[in-house]
C-alpha atoms as a PDB file:
ATOM      1  CA  UNK A   1       0.000   0.000   0.000  1.00  0.00           C
ATOM      2  CA  UNK A   2       2.857   2.285   0.786  1.00  0.00           C
ATOM      3  CA  UNK A   3       4.271   1.972  -2.763  1.00  0.00           C
ATOM      4  CA  UNK A   4       0.914   2.815  -4.252  1.00  0.00           C
ATOM      5  CA  UNK A   5       0.589   5.845  -1.996  1.00  0.00           C
ATOM      6  CA  UNK A   6       4.123   7.107  -2.895  1.00  0.00           C
ATOM      7  CA  UNK A   7       3.364   6.592  -6.593  1.00  0.00           C
ATOM      8  CA  UNK A   8       0.070   8.474  -6.283  1.00  0.00           C
ATOM      9  CA  UNK A   9       1.769  11.294  -4.328  1.00  0.00           C
ATOM     10  CA  UNK A  10       4.450  11.632  -7.010  1.00  0.00           C
ATOM     11  CA  UNK A  11       1.839  11.643  -9.759  1.00  0.00           C
ATOM     12  CA  UNK A  12      -0.154  14.228  -7.814  1.00  0.00           C
ATOM     13  CA  UNK A  13       2.866  16.482  -7.423  1.00  0.00           C
ATOM     14  CA  UNK A  14       3.634  16.230 -11.146  1.00  0.00           C
ATOM     15  CA  UNK A  15       0.044  16.987 -11.995  1.00  0.00           C
ATOM     16  CA  UNK A  16       0.088  19.981  -9.665  1.00  0.00           C
ATOM     17  CA  UNK A  17       3.409  21.251 -11.123  1.00  0.00           C
ATOM     18  CA  UNK A  18       2.131  20.895 -14.693  1.00  0.00           C
ATOM     19  CA  UNK A  19      -1.130  22.588 -13.736  1.00  0.00           C
ATOM     20  CA  UNK A  20       0.705  25.542 -12.158  1.00  0.00           C
ATOM     21  CA  UNK A  21       2.895  25.907 -15.252  1.00  0.00           C
ATOM     22  CA  UNK A  22      -0.178  25.723 -17.454  1.00  0.00           C
ATOM     23  CA  UNK A  23      -1.873  28.478 -15.468  1.00  0.00           C
ATOM     24  CA  UNK A  24       1.252  30.597 -15.659  1.00  0.00           C
ATOM     25  CA  UNK A  25       1.306  30.277 -19.426  1.00  0.00           C
ATOM     26  CA  UNK A  26      -2.372  31.042 -19.982  1.00  0.00           C
ATOM     27  CA  UNK A  27      -2.593  34.171 -22.101  1.00  0.00           C
ATOM     28  CA  UNK A  28       0.983  33.965 -23.374  1.00  0.00           C
ATOM     29  CA  UNK A  29      -0.344  33.835 -26.905  1.00  0.00           C
ATOM     30  CA  UNK A  30      -1.204  37.565 -26.575  1.00  0.00           C
ATOM     31  CA  UNK A  31       1.440  40.280 -26.654  1.00  0.00           C
ATOM     32  CA  UNK A  32       1.027  42.542 -23.623  1.00  0.00           C
ATOM     33  CA  UNK A  33       4.359  44.355 -23.597  1.00  0.00           C
ATOM     34  CA  UNK A  34       3.936  47.033 -26.238  1.00  0.00           C
ATOM     35  CA  UNK A  35       2.325  48.013 -29.489  1.00  0.00           C
ATOM     36  CA  UNK A  36       1.616  45.305 -32.038  1.00  0.00           C
ATOM     37  CA  UNK A  37       2.968  47.351 -34.935  1.00  0.00           C
ATOM     38  CA  UNK A  38       6.244  49.208 -35.098  1.00  0.00           C
ATOM     39  CA  UNK A  39       6.055  52.972 -35.086  1.00  0.00           C
ATOM     40  CA  UNK A  40       7.219  54.216 -38.460  1.00  0.00           C
ATOM     41  CA  UNK A  41       7.430  57.885 -37.562  1.00  0.00           C
ATOM     42  CA  UNK A  42      10.568  58.899 -35.720  1.00  0.00           C
ATOM     43  CA  UNK A  43      10.066  61.568 -33.122  1.00  0.00           C
ATOM     44  CA  UNK A  44      12.606  63.301 -30.978  1.00  0.00           C
ATOM     45  CA  UNK A  45      12.237  62.674 -27.270  1.00  0.00           C
ATOM     46  CA  UNK A  46      11.179  65.572 -25.118  1.00  0.00           C
ATOM     47  CA  UNK A  47      14.346  67.172 -23.829  1.00  0.00           C
ATOM     48  CA  UNK A  48      13.644  70.377 -21.999  1.00  0.00           C
ATOM     49  CA  UNK A  49      10.813  72.808 -21.578  1.00  0.00           C
ATOM     50  CA  UNK A  50      10.154  74.307 -25.010  1.00  0.00           C
ATOM     51  CA  UNK A  51      11.706  77.722 -25.428  1.00  0.00           C
ATOM     52  CA  UNK A  52      10.990  80.400 -27.983  1.00  0.00           C
ATOM     53  CA  UNK A  53      13.412  80.785 -30.869  1.00  0.00           C
ATOM     54  CA  UNK A  54      16.238  83.085 -29.876  1.00  0.00           C
ATOM     55  CA  UNK A  55      15.375  85.350 -32.802  1.00  0.00           C
ATOM     56  CA  UNK A  56      11.849  85.833 -31.422  1.00  0.00           C
ATOM     57  CA  UNK A  57      12.881  86.418 -27.808  1.00  0.00           C
ATOM     58  CA  UNK A  58      16.630  87.017 -27.348  1.00  0.00           C
ATOM     59  CA  UNK A  59      16.078  88.052 -23.726  1.00  0.00           C
ATOM     60  CA  UNK A  60      14.963  84.501 -22.851  1.00  0.00           C
ATOM     61  CA  UNK A  61      18.224  82.937 -24.054  1.00  0.00           C
ATOM     62  CA  UNK A  62      20.910  85.550 -23.460  1.00  0.00           C
ATOM     63  CA  UNK A  63      21.089  85.097 -19.648  1.00  0.00           C
ATOM     64  CA  UNK A  64      21.977  81.417 -20.176  1.00  0.00           C
ATOM     65  CA  UNK A  65      25.198  82.534 -21.805  1.00  0.00           C
ATOM     66  CA  UNK A  66      26.468  84.112 -18.603  1.00  0.00           C
ATOM     67  CA  UNK A  67      27.791  82.639 -15.371  1.00  0.00           C
ATOM     68  CA  UNK A  68      24.979  84.206 -13.332  1.00  0.00           C
ATOM     69  CA  UNK A  69      22.343  82.973 -15.789  1.00  0.00           C
ATOM     70  CA  UNK A  70      23.605  79.402 -15.577  1.00  0.00           C
ATOM     71  CA  UNK A  71      23.909  79.463 -11.760  1.00  0.00           C
ATOM     72  CA  UNK A  72      20.199  78.753 -11.280  1.00  0.00           C
ATOM     73  CA  UNK A  73      20.404  78.178  -7.524  1.00  0.00           C
ATOM     74  CA  UNK A  74      22.496  81.337  -6.949  1.00  0.00           C
ATOM     75  CA  UNK A  75      25.105  79.523  -4.862  1.00  0.00           C
ATOM     76  CA  UNK A  76      28.073  81.007  -6.714  1.00  0.00           C
ATOM     77  CA  UNK A  77      28.814  77.791  -8.600  1.00  0.00           C
ATOM     78  CA  UNK A  78      27.685  76.374 -11.931  1.00  0.00           C
ATOM     79  CA  UNK A  79      27.323  72.609 -11.634  1.00  0.00           C
ATOM     80  CA  UNK A  80      27.608  70.228 -14.552  1.00  0.00           C
ATOM     81  CA  UNK A  81      23.829  69.716 -14.329  1.00  0.00           C
ATOM     82  CA  UNK A  82      23.203  73.475 -14.552  1.00  0.00           C
ATOM     83  CA  UNK A  83      25.599  73.662 -17.493  1.00  0.00           C
ATOM     84  CA  UNK A  84      23.858  70.769 -19.259  1.00  0.00           C
ATOM     85  CA  UNK A  85      20.392  72.258 -18.788  1.00  0.00           C
ATOM     86  CA  UNK A  86      21.539  75.654 -20.077  1.00  0.00           C
ATOM     87  CA  UNK A  87      23.237  74.016 -23.069  1.00  0.00           C
ATOM     88  CA  UNK A  88      20.113  72.060 -23.911  1.00  0.00           C
ATOM     89  CA  UNK A  89      17.926  75.156 -23.689  1.00  0.00           C
ATOM     90  CA  UNK A  90      20.343  77.222 -25.787  1.00  0.00           C
ATOM     91  CA  UNK A  91      20.334  74.507 -28.451  1.00  0.00           C
ATOM     92  CA  UNK A  92      16.530  74.472 -28.540  1.00  0.00           C
ATOM     93  CA  UNK A  93      16.469  78.246 -28.915  1.00  0.00           C
ATOM     94  CA  UNK A  94      19.006  78.158 -31.771  1.00  0.00           C
ATOM     95  CA  UNK A  95      17.195  75.355 -33.641  1.00  0.00           C
ATOM     96  CA  UNK A  96      14.877  77.811 -35.347  1.00  0.00           C
ATOM     97  CA  UNK A  97      13.059  75.301 -37.557  1.00  0.00           C
ATOM     98  CA  UNK A  98      12.876  72.690 -34.750  1.00  0.00           C
ATOM     99  CA  UNK A  99      14.322  69.901 -36.912  1.00  0.00           C
ATOM    100  CA  UNK A 100      16.822  68.720 -34.294  1.00  0.00           C
ATOM    101  CA  UNK A 101      19.859  70.355 -35.904  1.00  0.00           C
ATOM    102  CA  UNK A 102      21.485  73.791 -35.797  1.00  0.00           C
ATOM    103  CA  UNK A 103      22.799  74.936 -39.157  1.00  0.00           C
ATOM    104  CA  UNK A 104      25.187  77.759 -39.950  1.00  0.00           C
ATOM    105  CA  UNK A 105      22.358  80.194 -40.877  1.00  0.00           C
ATOM    106  CA  UNK A 106      20.526  79.330 -37.629  1.00  0.00           C
ATOM    107  CA  UNK A 107      23.621  79.884 -35.512  1.00  0.00           C
ATOM    108  CA  UNK A 108      24.384  83.164 -37.317  1.00  0.00           C
ATOM    109  CA  UNK A 109      20.801  84.355 -36.746  1.00  0.00           C
ATOM    110  CA  UNK A 110      20.918  83.332 -33.063  1.00  0.00           C
ATOM    111  CA  UNK A 111      24.245  85.055 -32.457  1.00  0.00           C
ATOM    112  CA  UNK A 112      23.044  88.206 -34.225  1.00  0.00           C
ATOM    113  CA  UNK A 113      19.822  88.241 -32.170  1.00  0.00           C
ATOM    114  CA  UNK A 114      21.627  88.165 -28.833  1.00  0.00           C
ATOM    115  CA  UNK A 115      24.400  90.506 -29.945  1.00  0.00           C
ATOM    116  CA  UNK A 116      27.198  88.020 -29.382  1.00  0.00           C
ATOM    117  CA  UNK A 117      30.644  89.308 -30.220  1.00  0.00           C
ATOM    118  CA  UNK A 118      32.331  87.792 -33.272  1.00  0.00           C
ATOM    119  CA  UNK A 119      35.635  86.595 -31.728  1.00  0.00           C
ATOM    120  CA  UNK A 120      34.841  83.248 -33.299  1.00  0.00           C
ATOM    121  CA  UNK A 121      32.776  82.725 -36.435  1.00  0.00           C
ATOM    122  CA  UNK A 122      29.685  80.544 -36.336  1.00  0.00           C
ATOM    123  CA  UNK A 123      31.350  78.380 -38.940  1.00  0.00           C
ATOM    124  CA  UNK A 124      34.333  77.744 -36.626  1.00  0.00           C
ATOM    125  CA  UNK A 125      32.033  77.048 -33.679  1.00  0.00           C
ATOM    126  CA  UNK A 126      30.061  74.477 -35.651  1.00  0.00           C
ATOM    127  CA  UNK A 127      33.225  72.956 -37.081  1.00  0.00           C
ATOM    128  CA  UNK A 128      34.708  72.518 -33.610  1.00  0.00           C
ATOM    129  CA  UNK A 129      31.694  70.565 -32.314  1.00  0.00           C
ATOM    130  CA  UNK A 130      30.492  68.788 -35.470  1.00  0.00           C
ATOM    131  CA  UNK A 131      31.581  65.220 -34.699  1.00  0.00           C
ATOM    132  CA  UNK A 132      30.184  63.694 -37.893  1.00  0.00           C
ATOM    133  CA  UNK A 133      31.333  66.591 -40.114  1.00  0.00           C
ATOM    134  CA  UNK A 134      27.952  67.116 -41.773  1.00  0.00           C
ATOM    135  CA  UNK A 135      28.023  70.900 -41.373  1.00  0.00           C
ATOM    136  CA  UNK A 136      25.357  71.095 -38.680  1.00  0.00           C
ATOM    137  CA  UNK A 137      25.050  70.340 -34.981  1.00  0.00           C
ATOM    138  CA  UNK A 138      22.763  67.869 -33.296  1.00  0.00           C
ATOM    139  CA  UNK A 139      21.798  68.204 -29.650  1.00  0.00           C
ATOM    140  CA  UNK A 140      24.214  65.375 -28.831  1.00  0.00           C
ATOM    141  CA  UNK A 141      27.118  67.123 -30.542  1.00  0.00           C
ATOM    142  CA  UNK A 142      26.255  70.454 -28.900  1.00  0.00           C
ATOM    143  CA  UNK A 143      25.996  68.956 -25.413  1.00  0.00           C
ATOM    144  CA  UNK A 144      29.189  66.906 -25.882  1.00  0.00           C
ATOM    145  CA  UNK A 145      31.087  70.065 -26.853  1.00  0.00           C
ATOM    146  CA  UNK A 146      29.552  71.952 -23.932  1.00  0.00           C
ATOM    147  CA  UNK A 147      30.501  69.167 -21.505  1.00  0.00           C
ATOM    148  CA  UNK A 148      34.073  69.107 -22.829  1.00  0.00           C
ATOM    149  CA  UNK A 149      34.280  72.887 -22.419  1.00  0.00           C
ATOM    150  CA  UNK A 150      32.937  72.589 -18.871  1.00  0.00           C
ATOM    151  CA  UNK A 151      35.581  69.955 -18.067  1.00  0.00           C
ATOM    152  CA  UNK A 152      38.353  72.202 -19.446  1.00  0.00           C
ATOM    153  CA  UNK A 153      37.135  75.124 -17.314  1.00  0.00           C
ATOM    154  CA  UNK A 154      36.793  73.005 -14.126  1.00  0.00           C
ATOM    155  CA  UNK A 155      40.376  73.508 -12.938  1.00  0.00           C
ATOM    156  CA  UNK A 156      39.951  71.742  -9.585  1.00  0.00           C
ATOM    157  CA  UNK A 157      37.813  68.924 -11.064  1.00  0.00           C
ATOM    158  CA  UNK A 158      35.038  69.242  -8.475  1.00  0.00           C
ATOM    159  CA  UNK A 159      32.244  69.039 -11.087  1.00  0.00           C
ATOM    160  CA  UNK A 160      31.345  72.700 -10.641  1.00  0.00           C
ATOM    161  CA  UNK A 161      32.682  76.021 -11.849  1.00  0.00           C
ATOM    162  CA  UNK A 162      33.394  79.001  -9.644  1.00  0.00           C
ATOM    163  CA  UNK A 163      33.353  82.475 -11.170  1.00  0.00           C
ATOM    164  CA  UNK A 164      37.191  82.597 -11.240  1.00  0.00           C
ATOM    165  CA  UNK A 165      37.294  79.225 -13.059  1.00  0.00           C
ATOM    166  CA  UNK A 166      34.677  80.498 -15.521  1.00  0.00           C
ATOM    167  CA  UNK A 167      36.597  83.707 -16.147  1.00  0.00           C
ATOM    168  CA  UNK A 168      39.920  81.893 -16.576  1.00  0.00           C
ATOM    169  CA  UNK A 169      38.317  79.449 -19.017  1.00  0.00           C
ATOM    170  CA  UNK A 170      36.798  82.240 -21.092  1.00  0.00           C
ATOM    171  CA  UNK A 171      40.094  84.141 -21.076  1.00  0.00           C
ATOM    172  CA  UNK A 172      41.939  81.059 -22.318  1.00  0.00           C
ATOM    173  CA  UNK A 173      39.517  80.727 -25.252  1.00  0.00           C
ATOM    174  CA  UNK A 174      39.598  84.341 -26.426  1.00  0.00           C
ATOM    175  CA  UNK A 175      42.150  86.460 -28.175  1.00  0.00           C
ATOM    176  CA  UNK A 176      44.010  88.438 -25.480  1.00  0.00           C
ATOM    177  CA  UNK A 177      42.511  91.907 -26.174  1.00  0.00           C
ATOM    178  CA  UNK A 178      38.937  90.606 -26.252  1.00  0.00           C
ATOM    179  CA  UNK A 179      39.412  88.622 -23.040  1.00  0.00           C
ATOM    180  CA  UNK A 180      40.712  91.645 -21.156  1.00  0.00           C
ATOM    181  CA  UNK A 181      37.769  93.787 -22.210  1.00  0.00           C
ATOM    182  CA  UNK A 182      35.212  91.060 -21.464  1.00  0.00           C
ATOM    183  CA  UNK A 183      36.457  90.131 -18.012  1.00  0.00           C
ATOM    184  CA  UNK A 184      36.704  93.650 -16.706  1.00  0.00           C
ATOM    185  CA  UNK A 185      34.491  92.921 -13.780  1.00  0.00           C
ATOM    186  CA  UNK A 186      30.795  92.020 -14.090  1.00  0.00           C
ATOM    187  CA  UNK A 187      29.453  89.139 -11.979  1.00  0.00           C
ATOM    188  CA  UNK A 188      27.456  87.969 -14.938  1.00  0.00           C
ATOM    189  CA  UNK A 189      30.753  87.230 -16.628  1.00  0.00           C
ATOM    190  CA  UNK A 190      31.325  86.844 -20.313  1.00  0.00           C
ATOM    191  CA  UNK A 191      28.930  85.248 -22.701  1.00  0.00           C
ATOM    192  CA  UNK A 192      29.274  81.558 -23.481  1.00  0.00           C
ATOM    193  CA  UNK A 193      30.584  80.570 -26.896  1.00  0.00           C
END
């Protein structure tokens, strides 16, 4: 009798295990993890709060080019996060046709609108950041160039810029006469290029 009972118990356990697996697999013939069809329209992900084109409202973008404008928490430091957010917003403002790229005419128009000094041409600025050499900047290229610039300016490598670090970085980028005139004392500092 004992052998029969053990055999029945084993069969019962197997039946129970198969039944549990069967219940777990019920409904697996339906896809429940996403859309059935692939999206065929590519859309850019939302990046930052939409901003007006710099040509329509230069006053909305220009402060982001200064140390004080980037220091959003007014603690006397610009963090890498503050730099990244400002860079992203500046890119959005320069991308006048909202196609995800800044072209030479767009950068020229943006720089003219905010009255940026011409120490460096828009063509040279694009060329210096254009990783794929297609003559225009994507958000990724713009932010990568901005992050590299931030890292060069961050002399003590603490992931934030003080006003003296900012000023020294700007001075190192500019021709000597322009740097002297620009850094002659305002807390807002020089404009970002």
